[in-house]
Amino acid sequence: MDISELKEIIRRELPGLLRSDPNLREFLLELTRQEYPSRVETEDRFHKLLGELRRDREEQNRKWEEQNRKWEEQNRKWDEWSHRWDEQQLRNRQEFDRVHEEIMAVAQKHERSVGALGARWGLQSEKAFRDALAGILEKSFEVQVLNVNEYDDQGEVFGRPDQVELDIIVMNGLLLICELKSSIDKAGMYAFERKARFYERRHDKKANRLLVISPMVDARAREVAKKLGIEVYGDSIDVQSL
C-alpha cells in the first residue's frame, strides 16, 4: 500500500471514526492545536480587532469634529466679514447719497442764480443788439427805424391783453416790419407774424415786407418763416435792398 492509497483510506474513514471515537477526536485536536488558535485566543483576537475598529472610528469622528469646528469657525468669520462689508457698503451709499444731495442742492442754487443773471443779461443784451442793429440800418441804408410799443387790449397776439413791441422801418413810403433779435425759435417766428398782422389791422396799412434779422435762427423757425412769407437774414449787411 502506497502513500496515496493510505491518504485516500484516511480521508474516507476518518470522519466516521471521529464521530464514534472521542479519544481519537481528542487526540487529533491536541495534535492540531498548535496550528489553530484556541477559542480563547480567537475571542481575544476578535475583541482586539473590535477595539482597533472602535479606536479607528473614534479617531475618524474626532478628526471630523475638528474639521467641522474649523469649517464653523471659517463660516463664522465669513459671516462677520460679510456683515461688516454690507455695513460698509451701506455707509458708503449713505455718504454718497448725502454728498450727492448736497451737490444737487448747490447746483440748483447756482442754476437759479445763473438763470436769474442770464435773464437779466438776456434782456440787456437783447436791447443792446436791437439798438446796435437799428443804428447800422439807419447809417448804412439811410432809413428810419422806429420801435413801436402798443397795447393789445383784445389779446389778439398773445391770447390775453399785453404790450406788443415791433421795429418798423420806413423808407420812401415803404413799410417794413422787422424783428431784430439775438436769437429766434419756431414759437418766436409765429409770434412775430401775429404782431405784424396786429399792427397792420391797427393802422390799416399793409406791410410791404416782413423781415427777421437774427444771427441765431432755429431750423424749424426758418421753415415757419418760409411758409408765412417772412424774410430771414443772419446779419443786417445781408439785407441787400430795402
Foldseek 3Di string as FASTA:
>chain_A
DDPVVVVVCCVVCVVVCVVVPVVVVVVVCVVCPVVDDDPVVVVVVVVVVVVVVVVVVVVVVVVVVVVVVVVVVVVVVVVVVVVVVVVVVVVVVVVVVVVVVVVVVVVVVVVVVVVVVVVVVQVVVFVVQVVVQQVCCCVVVVWHKDWDWDWDCPCQQPNHIDIQIWIWIDDPNATETEARGQEDEQVRLSSSLSSQVVVCVVVVHHHPAYEYEYLYYDPNNVVVCVVSRHHYHPGSVVPPDD
